[in-house]
Amino acid sequence: MTLRVTRIALLFTLLFGLFNNSFAQKSPQKPTFTNPLLAAGADPWVIFKDGFYYYTNTTGRNLTLWRTKDFTNLNEAEKKIVWTPPASGPNSKDIWAPELHSLNGKWYLYYTATDVAKPGDQNRYVLVLENESANPLVGNWTDKGKINTNYTGLDGSVFEHKGKHYFLYSGYVGPQSNLFIAEMVNPWTISTKQVEIARPTLPWEKYDGREICEGPQFLKGKRGQLFIIYSASACWDDNYSLGMLTAAESSNLLDPASWTKSGQPVFAQSLAHNVFGPGHNCFTKSADGREDWIVYHAKTEANKACKDRTPRAQRFNWKADGSPDFGVPASVETALQKPSATP
């Protein structure tokens, strides 16, 4: 009787093992991707709306949009140049850092530019275009002109909090690029009360004679905080990295005292992964809203230059205190799981 039971047990174990092995072989593997998302492209921006991701980055010569259901596969995305600069005027040269926003049922493209006749920081501004089409790759873009910033500058961004829209930008103040915030009167006009909330004061925010805080991006925390993630130092610094400002969501966002700066970068280069100068990021979510993603540019080689920057993405998590944990920039050789609910 004992021998028979033993044989049955062995047979059951064998069959169970075969079943598990067969199931494992048939279980679909989660799709993956590797960075970079494109062969070139600094200052990446992603927004998700009505089932599609819209992507853009700096080309320097025009405004180009990508439309896709999988922002980790931009090479297969629909792509279109939606605007080219005029031959002259305040927005005729150095078309940088575009951001696409949906406000009041219309699309707006914010971008940085200067004048080909008088190029440089002294004539660099944030400007905006408007499109009433449901799909921003079609329809007409209307030039709404310069944003009325108190300073010349770059890297305009928009966010909404408690029913109000706010505008962020990096303004040139003497040798520094400082971060400012203002309430918006409408998508192309901001209040004349433009408050400085951060300036470069720490060693990692300064390089090669430049003191820079730029590329501000809004992020809502998990425990009643608001964050502004910004890029620090010169773009040609291989140590270019992300810093963080924190405020309570109940605070007055136009009070500089509401914002506290992190003492160290929250996302920085990785020598082990050959990632240099990670910065100028944005945030998005997986299509089902379950995952948080950071999209940023970085270099695979330390070259002390604003070149060879490529767009990249990776999922991030949250710390117990409700602040973001961006981890370490992934190597271009690392296979990353695609966002959940990716078709």
C-alpha atoms as a PDB file:
ATOM      1  CA  MET A   1       0.000   0.000   0.000  1.00  0.00           C
ATOM      2  CA  THR A   2       2.838   2.345   0.909  1.00  0.00           C
ATOM      3  CA  LEU A   3       4.645   1.651  -2.397  1.00  0.00           C
ATOM      4  CA  ARG A   4       1.473   2.373  -4.373  1.00  0.00           C
ATOM      5  CA  VAL A   5       0.914   5.671  -2.543  1.00  0.00           C
ATOM      6  CA  THR A   6       4.515   6.642  -3.175  1.00  0.00           C
ATOM      7  CA  ARG A   7       4.176   5.923  -6.898  1.00  0.00           C
ATOM      8  CA  ILE A   8       0.976   7.957  -7.092  1.00  0.00           C
ATOM      9  CA  ALA A   9       2.648  10.831  -5.260  1.00  0.00           C
ATOM     10  CA  LEU A  10       5.613  10.724  -7.633  1.00  0.00           C
ATOM     11  CA  LEU A  11       3.305  10.646 -10.643  1.00  0.00           C
ATOM     12  CA  PHE A  12       1.324  13.602  -9.301  1.00  0.00           C
ATOM     13  CA  THR A  13       4.532  15.567  -8.679  1.00  0.00           C
ATOM     14  CA  LEU A  14       5.725  14.854 -12.218  1.00  0.00           C
ATOM     15  CA  LEU A  15       2.427  15.867 -13.788  1.00  0.00           C
ATOM     16  CA  PHE A  16       2.232  19.007 -11.648  1.00  0.00           C
ATOM     17  CA  GLY A  17       5.746  19.972 -12.689  1.00  0.00           C
ATOM     18  CA  LEU A  18       4.960  19.434 -16.364  1.00  0.00           C
ATOM     19  CA  PHE A  19       1.789  21.529 -16.041  1.00  0.00           C
ATOM     20  CA  ASN A  20       3.627  24.378 -14.344  1.00  0.00           C
ATOM     21  CA  ASN A  21       6.400  24.302 -16.935  1.00  0.00           C
ATOM     22  CA  SER A  22       3.871  24.337 -19.779  1.00  0.00           C
ATOM     23  CA  PHE A  23       1.970  27.229 -18.180  1.00  0.00           C
ATOM     24  CA  ALA A  24       5.162  29.205 -17.679  1.00  0.00           C
ATOM     25  CA  GLN A  25       6.136  28.701 -21.296  1.00  0.00           C
ATOM     26  CA  LYS A  26       2.742  29.838 -22.526  1.00  0.00           C
ATOM     27  CA  SER A  27       2.504  32.845 -20.167  1.00  0.00           C
ATOM     28  CA  PRO A  28       3.002  36.001 -22.225  1.00  0.00           C
ATOM     29  CA  GLN A  29       6.124  37.976 -21.457  1.00  0.00           C
ATOM     30  CA  LYS A  30       5.546  41.604 -20.594  1.00  0.00           C
ATOM     31  CA  PRO A  31       6.716  43.831 -23.482  1.00  0.00           C
ATOM     32  CA  THR A  32       9.866  45.852 -22.924  1.00  0.00           C
ATOM     33  CA  PHE A  33      11.741  48.775 -24.461  1.00  0.00           C
ATOM     34  CA  THR A  34      15.195  50.278 -24.180  1.00  0.00           C
ATOM     35  CA  ASN A  35      16.263  53.886 -24.051  1.00  0.00           C
ATOM     36  CA  PRO A  36      16.711  56.188 -25.879  1.00  0.00           C
ATOM     37  CA  LEU A  37      13.222  56.756 -27.286  1.00  0.00           C
ATOM     38  CA  LEU A  38      14.664  58.516 -30.358  1.00  0.00           C
ATOM     39  CA  ALA A  39      18.146  58.907 -31.808  1.00  0.00           C
ATOM     40  CA  ALA A  40      18.098  62.620 -30.919  1.00  0.00           C
ATOM     41  CA  GLY A  41      15.901  65.069 -29.051  1.00  0.00           C
ATOM     42  CA  ALA A  42      16.502  67.331 -26.059  1.00  0.00           C
ATOM     43  CA  ASP A  43      13.845  68.764 -23.724  1.00  0.00           C
ATOM     44  CA  PRO A  44      11.224  66.004 -24.230  1.00  0.00           C
ATOM     45  CA  TRP A  45       7.560  66.594 -23.408  1.00  0.00           C
ATOM     46  CA  VAL A  46       4.689  64.067 -23.197  1.00  0.00           C
ATOM     47  CA  ILE A  47       0.978  64.611 -22.545  1.00  0.00           C
ATOM     48  CA  PHE A  48      -1.794  61.979 -22.517  1.00  0.00           C
ATOM     49  CA  LYS A  49      -5.318  62.883 -23.668  1.00  0.00           C
ATOM     50  CA  ASP A  50      -8.291  60.959 -25.065  1.00  0.00           C
ATOM     51  CA  GLY A  51      -6.375  57.713 -25.446  1.00  0.00           C
ATOM     52  CA  PHE A  52      -3.300  59.163 -27.164  1.00  0.00           C
ATOM     53  CA  TYR A  53       0.112  60.336 -26.055  1.00  0.00           C
ATOM     54  CA  TYR A  54       1.408  63.494 -27.720  1.00  0.00           C
ATOM     55  CA  TYR A  55       5.153  64.005 -27.715  1.00  0.00           C
ATOM     56  CA  THR A  56       7.463  66.848 -28.710  1.00  0.00           C
ATOM     57  CA  ASN A  57      11.077  67.907 -28.169  1.00  0.00           C
ATOM     58  CA  THR A  58      13.487  70.617 -29.203  1.00  0.00           C
ATOM     59  CA  THR A  59      14.418  70.522 -32.873  1.00  0.00           C
ATOM     60  CA  GLY A  60      15.769  74.071 -32.951  1.00  0.00           C
ATOM     61  CA  ARG A  61      14.136  74.836 -36.304  1.00  0.00           C
ATOM     62  CA  ASN A  62      10.411  74.016 -35.988  1.00  0.00           C
ATOM     63  CA  LEU A  63       7.704  72.556 -33.765  1.00  0.00           C
ATOM     64  CA  THR A  64       7.078  68.865 -34.396  1.00  0.00           C
ATOM     65  CA  LEU A  65       4.435  66.667 -32.749  1.00  0.00           C
ATOM     66  CA  TRP A  66       4.235  62.888 -32.439  1.00  0.00           C
ATOM     67  CA  ARG A  67       0.926  61.064 -31.772  1.00  0.00           C
ATOM     68  CA  THR A  68       0.885  57.498 -30.447  1.00  0.00           C
ATOM     69  CA  LYS A  69      -0.670  55.058 -28.005  1.00  0.00           C
ATOM     70  CA  ASP A  70       2.825  53.946 -26.918  1.00  0.00           C
ATOM     71  CA  PHE A  71       5.250  56.758 -26.095  1.00  0.00           C
ATOM     72  CA  THR A  72       8.078  54.233 -25.684  1.00  0.00           C
ATOM     73  CA  ASN A  73       7.837  53.463 -29.423  1.00  0.00           C
ATOM     74  CA  LEU A  74       8.130  56.905 -30.971  1.00  0.00           C
ATOM     75  CA  ASN A  75       9.838  55.598 -34.095  1.00  0.00           C
ATOM     76  CA  GLU A  76       6.476  54.105 -35.128  1.00  0.00           C
ATOM     77  CA  ALA A  77       4.395  57.130 -34.093  1.00  0.00           C
ATOM     78  CA  GLU A  78       2.510  59.482 -36.379  1.00  0.00           C
ATOM     79  CA  LYS A  79       4.709  62.557 -36.789  1.00  0.00           C
ATOM     80  CA  LYS A  80       4.114  66.021 -38.222  1.00  0.00           C
ATOM     81  CA  ILE A  81       5.793  69.424 -38.351  1.00  0.00           C
ATOM     82  CA  VAL A  82       2.976  71.704 -37.168  1.00  0.00           C
ATOM     83  CA  TRP A  83       4.755  75.075 -37.223  1.00  0.00           C
ATOM     84  CA  THR A  84       7.842  76.651 -38.736  1.00  0.00           C
ATOM     85  CA  PRO A  85       9.193  80.014 -37.588  1.00  0.00           C
ATOM     86  CA  PRO A  86       8.899  83.181 -39.665  1.00  0.00           C
ATOM     87  CA  ALA A  87      11.948  84.581 -41.436  1.00  0.00           C
ATOM     88  CA  SER A  88      12.129  87.496 -39.013  1.00  0.00           C
ATOM     89  CA  GLY A  89      10.698  88.683 -35.727  1.00  0.00           C
ATOM     90  CA  PRO A  90      10.839  87.704 -32.047  1.00  0.00           C
ATOM     91  CA  ASN A  91      10.223  84.010 -32.734  1.00  0.00           C
ATOM     92  CA  SER A  92      12.457  83.504 -35.768  1.00  0.00           C
ATOM     93  CA  LYS A  93      15.447  81.626 -34.264  1.00  0.00           C
ATOM     94  CA  ASP A  94      16.384  78.948 -31.695  1.00  0.00           C
ATOM     95  CA  ILE A  95      13.033  77.225 -31.258  1.00  0.00           C
ATOM     96  CA  TRP A  96      13.502  75.420 -27.940  1.00  0.00           C
ATOM     97  CA  ALA A  97      11.684  73.497 -25.213  1.00  0.00           C
ATOM     98  CA  PRO A  98       8.147  73.098 -26.627  1.00  0.00           C
ATOM     99  CA  GLU A  99       5.328  72.014 -24.339  1.00  0.00           C
ATOM    100  CA  LEU A 100       1.820  71.027 -25.467  1.00  0.00           C
ATOM    101  CA  HIS A 101      -1.054  71.765 -23.068  1.00  0.00           C
ATOM    102  CA  SER A 102      -4.820  71.368 -23.265  1.00  0.00           C
ATOM    103  CA  LEU A 103      -6.552  74.369 -21.698  1.00  0.00           C
ATOM    104  CA  ASN A 104     -10.200  75.417 -21.877  1.00  0.00           C
ATOM    105  CA  GLY A 105     -10.926  72.972 -24.694  1.00  0.00           C
ATOM    106  CA  LYS A 106      -8.076  74.158 -26.924  1.00  0.00           C
ATOM    107  CA  TRP A 107      -4.469  73.140 -27.500  1.00  0.00           C
ATOM    108  CA  TYR A 108      -1.575  75.463 -26.695  1.00  0.00           C
ATOM    109  CA  LEU A 109       2.077  75.078 -27.674  1.00  0.00           C
ATOM    110  CA  TYR A 110       4.463  77.002 -25.437  1.00  0.00           C
ATOM    111  CA  TYR A 111       8.015  77.356 -26.726  1.00  0.00           C
ATOM    112  CA  THR A 112      11.146  79.452 -26.345  1.00  0.00           C
ATOM    113  CA  ALA A 113      12.592  81.566 -29.184  1.00  0.00           C
ATOM    114  CA  THR A 114      14.729  84.570 -30.001  1.00  0.00           C
ATOM    115  CA  ASP A 115      15.073  87.074 -32.853  1.00  0.00           C
ATOM    116  CA  VAL A 116      17.323  86.132 -35.779  1.00  0.00           C
ATOM    117  CA  ALA A 117      18.256  89.818 -36.190  1.00  0.00           C
ATOM    118  CA  LYS A 118      19.140  90.191 -32.490  1.00  0.00           C
ATOM    119  CA  PRO A 119      19.773  86.643 -31.244  1.00  0.00           C
ATOM    120  CA  GLY A 120      20.713  85.678 -27.710  1.00  0.00           C
ATOM    121  CA  ASP A 121      19.480  85.671 -24.146  1.00  0.00           C
ATOM    122  CA  GLN A 122      18.737  89.402 -24.155  1.00  0.00           C
ATOM    123  CA  ASN A 123      15.921  88.759 -26.647  1.00  0.00           C
ATOM    124  CA  ARG A 124      14.849  85.263 -25.615  1.00  0.00           C
ATOM    125  CA  TYR A 125      11.211  84.807 -24.601  1.00  0.00           C
ATOM    126  CA  VAL A 126       8.502  82.218 -24.114  1.00  0.00           C
ATOM    127  CA  LEU A 127       5.785  82.385 -26.793  1.00  0.00           C
ATOM    128  CA  VAL A 128       2.583  80.444 -27.412  1.00  0.00           C
ATOM    129  CA  LEU A 129       0.414  79.134 -30.273  1.00  0.00           C
ATOM    130  CA  GLU A 130      -3.286  78.155 -30.116  1.00  0.00           C
ATOM    131  CA  ASN A 131      -5.181  75.401 -31.964  1.00  0.00           C
ATOM    132  CA  GLU A 132      -8.917  74.707 -31.693  1.00  0.00           C
ATOM    133  CA  SER A 133      -8.749  71.259 -33.328  1.00  0.00           C
ATOM    134  CA  ALA A 134      -9.399  68.152 -31.231  1.00  0.00           C
ATOM    135  CA  ASN A 135      -6.252  66.624 -32.733  1.00  0.00           C
ATOM    136  CA  PRO A 136      -3.281  69.013 -32.471  1.00  0.00           C
ATOM    137  CA  LEU A 137      -1.596  67.422 -35.509  1.00  0.00           C
ATOM    138  CA  VAL A 138      -4.323  68.955 -37.689  1.00  0.00           C
ATOM    139  CA  GLY A 139      -6.020  72.332 -37.797  1.00  0.00           C
ATOM    140  CA  ASN A 140      -4.440  75.780 -37.715  1.00  0.00           C
ATOM    141  CA  TRP A 141      -2.035  77.153 -35.150  1.00  0.00           C
ATOM    142  CA  THR A 142      -2.607  80.820 -34.307  1.00  0.00           C
ATOM    143  CA  ASP A 143       0.303  82.869 -32.994  1.00  0.00           C
ATOM    144  CA  LYS A 144      -0.708  84.396 -29.640  1.00  0.00           C
ATOM    145  CA  GLY A 145       2.650  86.113 -29.224  1.00  0.00           C
ATOM    146  CA  LYS A 146       4.975  86.483 -26.251  1.00  0.00           C
ATOM    147  CA  ILE A 147       4.037  85.585 -22.731  1.00  0.00           C
ATOM    148  CA  ASN A 148       4.296  88.851 -20.793  1.00  0.00           C
ATOM    149  CA  THR A 149       7.109  87.786 -18.484  1.00  0.00           C
ATOM    150  CA  ASN A 150       8.885  90.459 -16.454  1.00  0.00           C
ATOM    151  CA  TYR A 151      12.237  89.049 -17.538  1.00  0.00           C
ATOM    152  CA  THR A 152      13.633  87.541 -20.685  1.00  0.00           C
ATOM    153  CA  GLY A 153      13.965  83.801 -20.236  1.00  0.00           C
ATOM    154  CA  LEU A 154      12.927  80.357 -21.323  1.00  0.00           C
ATOM    155  CA  ASP A 155      11.210  77.063 -20.477  1.00  0.00           C
ATOM    156  CA  GLY A 156       7.616  78.099 -19.864  1.00  0.00           C
ATOM    157  CA  SER A 157       5.293  75.524 -18.307  1.00  0.00           C
ATOM    158  CA  VAL A 158       1.700  75.457 -17.063  1.00  0.00           C
ATOM    159  CA  PHE A 159      -0.085  73.597 -14.280  1.00  0.00           C
ATOM    160  CA  GLU A 160      -3.466  73.670 -12.555  1.00  0.00           C
ATOM    161  CA  HIS A 161      -4.051  73.641  -8.790  1.00  0.00           C
ATOM    162  CA  LYS A 162      -7.330  74.198  -6.957  1.00  0.00           C
ATOM    163  CA  GLY A 163      -9.061  75.613 -10.008  1.00  0.00           C
ATOM    164  CA  LYS A 164      -6.301  78.092 -10.871  1.00  0.00           C
ATOM    165  CA  HIS A 165      -3.722  77.887 -13.640  1.00  0.00           C
ATOM    166  CA  TYR A 166      -0.144  78.837 -12.894  1.00  0.00           C
ATOM    167  CA  PHE A 167       2.759  79.643 -15.192  1.00  0.00           C
ATOM    168  CA  LEU A 168       6.374  78.709 -14.462  1.00  0.00           C
ATOM    169  CA  TYR A 169       9.436  79.931 -16.285  1.00  0.00           C
ATOM    170  CA  SER A 170      13.173  80.478 -15.917  1.00  0.00           C
ATOM    171  CA  GLY A 171      14.019  84.186 -16.044  1.00  0.00           C
ATOM    172  CA  TYR A 172      17.394  85.773 -16.719  1.00  0.00           C
ATOM    173  CA  VAL A 173      18.395  87.923 -13.747  1.00  0.00           C
ATOM    174  CA  GLY A 174      21.959  89.160 -14.121  1.00  0.00           C
ATOM    175  CA  PRO A 175      24.262  86.128 -14.369  1.00  0.00           C
ATOM    176  CA  GLN A 176      21.565  83.785 -13.079  1.00  0.00           C
ATOM    177  CA  SER A 177      18.559  81.908 -14.413  1.00  0.00           C
ATOM    178  CA  ASN A 178      15.947  81.959 -11.639  1.00  0.00           C
ATOM    179  CA  LEU A 179      12.571  80.243 -11.320  1.00  0.00           C
ATOM    180  CA  PHE A 180       9.396  82.351 -11.316  1.00  0.00           C
ATOM    181  CA  ILE A 181       5.711  81.556 -10.810  1.00  0.00           C
ATOM    182  CA  ALA A 182       2.611  83.611 -11.684  1.00  0.00           C
ATOM    183  CA  GLU A 183      -1.130  83.110 -11.950  1.00  0.00           C
ATOM    184  CA  MET A 184      -2.500  83.018 -15.488  1.00  0.00           C
ATOM    185  CA  VAL A 185      -5.090  85.522 -16.696  1.00  0.00           C
ATOM    186  CA  ASN A 186      -5.651  83.427 -19.814  1.00  0.00           C
ATOM    187  CA  PRO A 187      -3.479  80.888 -21.726  1.00  0.00           C
ATOM    188  CA  TRP A 188      -1.347  83.658 -23.284  1.00  0.00           C
ATOM    189  CA  THR A 189      -1.300  86.241 -20.467  1.00  0.00           C
ATOM    190  CA  ILE A 190       0.056  86.018 -16.932  1.00  0.00           C
ATOM    191  CA  SER A 191      -0.285  88.308 -13.936  1.00  0.00           C
ATOM    192  CA  THR A 192       2.317  91.042 -13.512  1.00  0.00           C
ATOM    193  CA  LYS A 193       2.916  89.570 -10.046  1.00  0.00           C
ATOM    194  CA  GLN A 194       5.665  87.135 -10.963  1.00  0.00           C
ATOM    195  CA  VAL A 195       7.336  85.726  -7.875  1.00  0.00           C
ATOM    196  CA  GLU A 196      10.840  84.316  -7.696  1.00  0.00           C
ATOM    197  CA  ILE A 197      10.726  80.972  -5.885  1.00  0.00           C
ATOM    198  CA  ALA A 198      14.264  79.698  -6.484  1.00  0.00           C
ATOM    199  CA  ARG A 199      17.678  80.849  -7.620  1.00  0.00           C
ATOM    200  CA  PRO A 200      20.915  78.869  -8.047  1.00  0.00           C
ATOM    201  CA  THR A 201      22.692  78.922  -4.672  1.00  0.00           C
ATOM    202  CA  LEU A 202      24.238  75.446  -4.426  1.00  0.00           C
ATOM    203  CA  PRO A 203      27.467  74.202  -6.066  1.00  0.00           C
ATOM    204  CA  TRP A 204      25.672  71.674  -8.309  1.00  0.00           C
ATOM    205  CA  GLU A 205      23.506  74.504  -9.723  1.00  0.00           C
ATOM    206  CA  LYS A 206      26.579  76.363 -11.036  1.00  0.00           C
ATOM    207  CA  TYR A 207      29.102  75.515 -13.746  1.00  0.00           C
ATOM    208  CA  ASP A 208      31.530  77.224 -16.093  1.00  0.00           C
ATOM    209  CA  GLY A 209      30.545  80.722 -15.010  1.00  0.00           C
ATOM    210  CA  ARG A 210      26.802  80.068 -15.293  1.00  0.00           C
ATOM    211  CA  GLU A 211      24.278  79.798 -12.437  1.00  0.00           C
ATOM    212  CA  ILE A 212      21.131  78.096 -13.683  1.00  0.00           C
ATOM    213  CA  CYS A 213      17.776  76.791 -12.488  1.00  0.00           C
ATOM    214  CA  GLU A 214      15.603  76.012 -15.528  1.00  0.00           C
ATOM    215  CA  GLY A 215      13.030  73.617 -16.992  1.00  0.00           C
ATOM    216  CA  PRO A 216      10.550  73.756 -14.049  1.00  0.00           C
ATOM    217  CA  GLN A 217       7.939  70.983 -13.960  1.00  0.00           C
ATOM    218  CA  PHE A 218       5.009  70.551 -11.588  1.00  0.00           C
ATOM    219  CA  LEU A 219       4.354  67.263  -9.765  1.00  0.00           C
ATOM    220  CA  LYS A 220       1.699  66.546  -7.153  1.00  0.00           C
ATOM    221  CA  GLY A 221       2.837  64.422  -4.219  1.00  0.00           C
ATOM    222  CA  LYS A 222       1.114  61.627  -2.341  1.00  0.00           C
ATOM    223  CA  ARG A 223       0.842  63.205   1.108  1.00  0.00           C
ATOM    224  CA  GLY A 224      -0.357  66.759   0.645  1.00  0.00           C
ATOM    225  CA  GLN A 225       2.768  68.164  -1.023  1.00  0.00           C
ATOM    226  CA  LEU A 226       3.402  69.923  -4.293  1.00  0.00           C
ATOM    227  CA  PHE A 227       6.740  69.639  -6.046  1.00  0.00           C
ATOM    228  CA  ILE A 228       8.526  71.588  -8.741  1.00  0.00           C
ATOM    229  CA  ILE A 229      11.289  69.549 -10.312  1.00  0.00           C
ATOM    230  CA  TYR A 230      13.833  71.697 -12.141  1.00  0.00           C
ATOM    231  CA  SER A 231      17.065  71.300 -14.073  1.00  0.00           C
ATOM    232  CA  ALA A 232      20.231  72.659 -12.502  1.00  0.00           C
ATOM    233  CA  SER A 233      23.495  73.927 -13.987  1.00  0.00           C
ATOM    234  CA  ALA A 234      24.497  74.528 -17.609  1.00  0.00           C
ATOM    235  CA  CYS A 235      23.300  72.119 -20.280  1.00  0.00           C
ATOM    236  CA  TRP A 236      26.929  71.486 -21.282  1.00  0.00           C
ATOM    237  CA  ASP A 237      27.726  70.309 -17.746  1.00  0.00           C
ATOM    238  CA  ASP A 238      27.897  66.489 -17.662  1.00  0.00           C
ATOM    239  CA  ASN A 239      26.636  66.813 -14.056  1.00  0.00           C
ATOM    240  CA  TYR A 240      23.443  68.588 -15.183  1.00  0.00           C
ATOM    241  CA  SER A 241      20.779  67.160 -12.875  1.00  0.00           C
ATOM    242  CA  LEU A 242      17.347  67.598 -11.326  1.00  0.00           C
ATOM    243  CA  GLY A 243      16.608  69.542  -8.165  1.00  0.00           C
ATOM    244  CA  MET A 244      13.323  69.774  -6.262  1.00  0.00           C
ATOM    245  CA  LEU A 245      11.218  72.445  -4.577  1.00  0.00           C
ATOM    246  CA  THR A 246       8.534  71.389  -2.083  1.00  0.00           C
ATOM    247  CA  ALA A 247       5.435  73.215  -0.830  1.00  0.00           C
ATOM    248  CA  ALA A 248       2.334  72.193   1.093  1.00  0.00           C
ATOM    249  CA  GLU A 249      -0.699  71.990  -1.194  1.00  0.00           C
ATOM    250  CA  SER A 250      -2.567  74.267   1.242  1.00  0.00           C
ATOM    251  CA  SER A 251       0.107  76.980   1.077  1.00  0.00           C
ATOM    252  CA  ASN A 252       0.189  80.205  -0.905  1.00  0.00           C
ATOM    253  CA  LEU A 253       2.128  79.190  -4.009  1.00  0.00           C
ATOM    254  CA  LEU A 254       2.990  82.829  -4.714  1.00  0.00           C
ATOM    255  CA  ASP A 255       4.818  83.148  -1.388  1.00  0.00           C
ATOM    256  CA  PRO A 256       8.510  82.269  -1.809  1.00  0.00           C
ATOM    257  CA  ALA A 257       8.576  81.119   1.810  1.00  0.00           C
ATOM    258  CA  SER A 258       6.182  78.291   0.871  1.00  0.00           C
ATOM    259  CA  TRP A 259       8.900  76.567  -1.189  1.00  0.00           C
ATOM    260  CA  THR A 260      11.804  74.582   0.233  1.00  0.00           C
ATOM    261  CA  LYS A 261      14.722  73.507  -1.950  1.00  0.00           C
ATOM    262  CA  SER A 262      16.341  70.071  -1.736  1.00  0.00           C
ATOM    263  CA  GLY A 263      19.991  70.181  -0.685  1.00  0.00           C
ATOM    264  CA  GLN A 264      21.061  67.549  -3.210  1.00  0.00           C
ATOM    265  CA  PRO A 265      19.929  66.539  -6.717  1.00  0.00           C
ATOM    266  CA  VAL A 266      16.993  64.135  -6.809  1.00  0.00           C
ATOM    267  CA  PHE A 267      18.055  62.645 -10.173  1.00  0.00           C
ATOM    268  CA  ALA A 268      21.652  62.738 -11.336  1.00  0.00           C
ATOM    269  CA  GLN A 269      24.255  61.147 -13.590  1.00  0.00           C
ATOM    270  CA  SER A 270      25.203  57.479 -13.210  1.00  0.00           C
ATOM    271  CA  LEU A 271      28.793  56.570 -14.015  1.00  0.00           C
ATOM    272  CA  ALA A 272      27.935  52.887 -13.636  1.00  0.00           C
ATOM    273  CA  HIS A 273      25.198  53.161 -16.283  1.00  0.00           C
ATOM    274  CA  ASN A 274      27.049  55.610 -18.576  1.00  0.00           C
ATOM    275  CA  VAL A 275      24.325  58.246 -18.205  1.00  0.00           C
ATOM    276  CA  PHE A 276      25.407  61.881 -18.080  1.00  0.00           C
ATOM    277  CA  GLY A 277      23.528  65.159 -17.759  1.00  0.00           C
ATOM    278  CA  PRO A 278      20.012  63.808 -17.089  1.00  0.00           C
ATOM    279  CA  GLY A 279      17.555  66.669 -17.010  1.00  0.00           C
ATOM    280  CA  HIS A 280      14.839  68.819 -18.581  1.00  0.00           C
ATOM    281  CA  ASN A 281      12.137  66.312 -17.773  1.00  0.00           C
ATOM    282  CA  CYS A 282       8.371  65.989 -17.777  1.00  0.00           C
ATOM    283  CA  PHE A 283       5.951  63.586 -16.107  1.00  0.00           C
ATOM    284  CA  THR A 284       3.220  61.336 -17.453  1.00  0.00           C
ATOM    285  CA  LYS A 285       1.243  58.263 -16.430  1.00  0.00           C
ATOM    286  CA  SER A 286       0.509  54.892 -17.946  1.00  0.00           C
ATOM    287  CA  ALA A 287      -2.710  54.805 -19.966  1.00  0.00           C
ATOM    288  CA  ASP A 288      -4.579  53.162 -17.062  1.00  0.00           C
ATOM    289  CA  GLY A 289      -3.279  55.763 -14.594  1.00  0.00           C
ATOM    290  CA  ARG A 290      -1.580  53.156 -12.398  1.00  0.00           C
ATOM    291  CA  GLU A 291       2.053  54.044 -13.038  1.00  0.00           C
ATOM    292  CA  ASP A 292       4.078  57.252 -12.847  1.00  0.00           C
ATOM    293  CA  TRP A 293       6.746  57.924 -15.458  1.00  0.00           C
ATOM    294  CA  ILE A 294       9.528  60.453 -15.835  1.00  0.00           C
ATOM    295  CA  VAL A 295      10.629  61.429 -19.348  1.00  0.00           C
ATOM    296  CA  TYR A 296      13.966  63.244 -19.626  1.00  0.00           C
ATOM    297  CA  HIS A 297      17.007  63.739 -21.809  1.00  0.00           C
ATOM    298  CA  ALA A 298      20.526  62.521 -21.118  1.00  0.00           C
ATOM    299  CA  LYS A 299      23.844  61.703 -22.788  1.00  0.00           C
ATOM    300  CA  THR A 300      25.624  58.353 -23.067  1.00  0.00           C
ATOM    301  CA  GLU A 301      29.036  60.034 -23.119  1.00  0.00           C
ATOM    302  CA  ALA A 302      30.517  62.824 -21.039  1.00  0.00           C
ATOM    303  CA  ASN A 303      31.312  65.432 -23.701  1.00  0.00           C
ATOM    304  CA  LYS A 304      31.031  68.795 -21.903  1.00  0.00           C
ATOM    305  CA  ALA A 305      28.592  69.929 -24.596  1.00  0.00           C
ATOM    306  CA  CYS A 306      24.872  70.508 -25.218  1.00  0.00           C
ATOM    307  CA  LYS A 307      24.846  67.815 -27.890  1.00  0.00           C
ATOM    308  CA  ASP A 308      24.022  64.118 -28.265  1.00  0.00           C
ATOM    309  CA  ARG A 309      21.131  64.472 -25.806  1.00  0.00           C
ATOM    310  CA  THR A 310      18.485  61.809 -26.319  1.00  0.00           C
ATOM    311  CA  PRO A 311      14.970  61.412 -24.872  1.00  0.00           C
ATOM    312  CA  ARG A 312      14.511  58.633 -22.316  1.00  0.00           C
ATOM    313  CA  ALA A 313      11.818  57.337 -19.980  1.00  0.00           C
ATOM    314  CA  GLN A 314      11.522  55.186 -16.881  1.00  0.00           C
ATOM    315  CA  ARG A 315       8.963  54.436 -14.220  1.00  0.00           C
ATOM    316  CA  PHE A 316       9.373  56.035 -10.786  1.00  0.00           C
ATOM    317  CA  ASN A 317       8.009  55.286  -7.338  1.00  0.00           C
ATOM    318  CA  TRP A 318       7.159  57.192  -4.171  1.00  0.00           C
ATOM    319  CA  LYS A 319       8.810  57.353  -0.764  1.00  0.00           C
ATOM    320  CA  ALA A 320       6.918  56.804   2.470  1.00  0.00           C
ATOM    321  CA  ASP A 321       6.800  60.567   3.088  1.00  0.00           C
ATOM    322  CA  GLY A 322       4.964  61.128  -0.214  1.00  0.00           C
ATOM    323  CA  SER A 323       7.918  62.520  -2.169  1.00  0.00           C
ATOM    324  CA  PRO A 324       9.036  61.061  -5.511  1.00  0.00           C
ATOM    325  CA  ASP A 325      11.789  58.457  -5.753  1.00  0.00           C
ATOM    326  CA  PHE A 326      13.237  58.719  -9.249  1.00  0.00           C
ATOM    327  CA  GLY A 327      15.964  56.165  -8.631  1.00  0.00           C
ATOM    328  CA  VAL A 328      18.994  56.027 -10.932  1.00  0.00           C
ATOM    329  CA  PRO A 329      18.947  56.733 -14.699  1.00  0.00           C
ATOM    330  CA  ALA A 330      18.726  53.424 -16.543  1.00  0.00           C
ATOM    331  CA  SER A 331      21.437  52.287 -18.921  1.00  0.00           C
ATOM    332  CA  VAL A 332      20.628  52.207 -22.634  1.00  0.00           C
ATOM    333  CA  GLU A 333      21.353  48.469 -22.403  1.00  0.00           C
ATOM    334  CA  THR A 334      18.661  47.829 -19.777  1.00  0.00           C
ATOM    335  CA  ALA A 335      15.336  46.370 -20.943  1.00  0.00           C
ATOM    336  CA  LEU A 336      12.508  48.206 -19.165  1.00  0.00           C
ATOM    337  CA  GLN A 337       8.895  47.033 -18.978  1.00  0.00           C
ATOM    338  CA  LYS A 338       6.564  49.182 -21.011  1.00  0.00           C
ATOM    339  CA  PRO A 339       3.902  51.202 -19.177  1.00  0.00           C
ATOM    340  CA  SER A 340       0.913  49.181 -18.025  1.00  0.00           C
ATOM    341  CA  ALA A 341      -2.042  49.044 -20.456  1.00  0.00           C
ATOM    342  CA  THR A 342       0.248  49.705 -23.430  1.00  0.00           C
ATOM    343  CA  PRO A 343      -1.508  48.210 -26.504  1.00  0.00           C
END
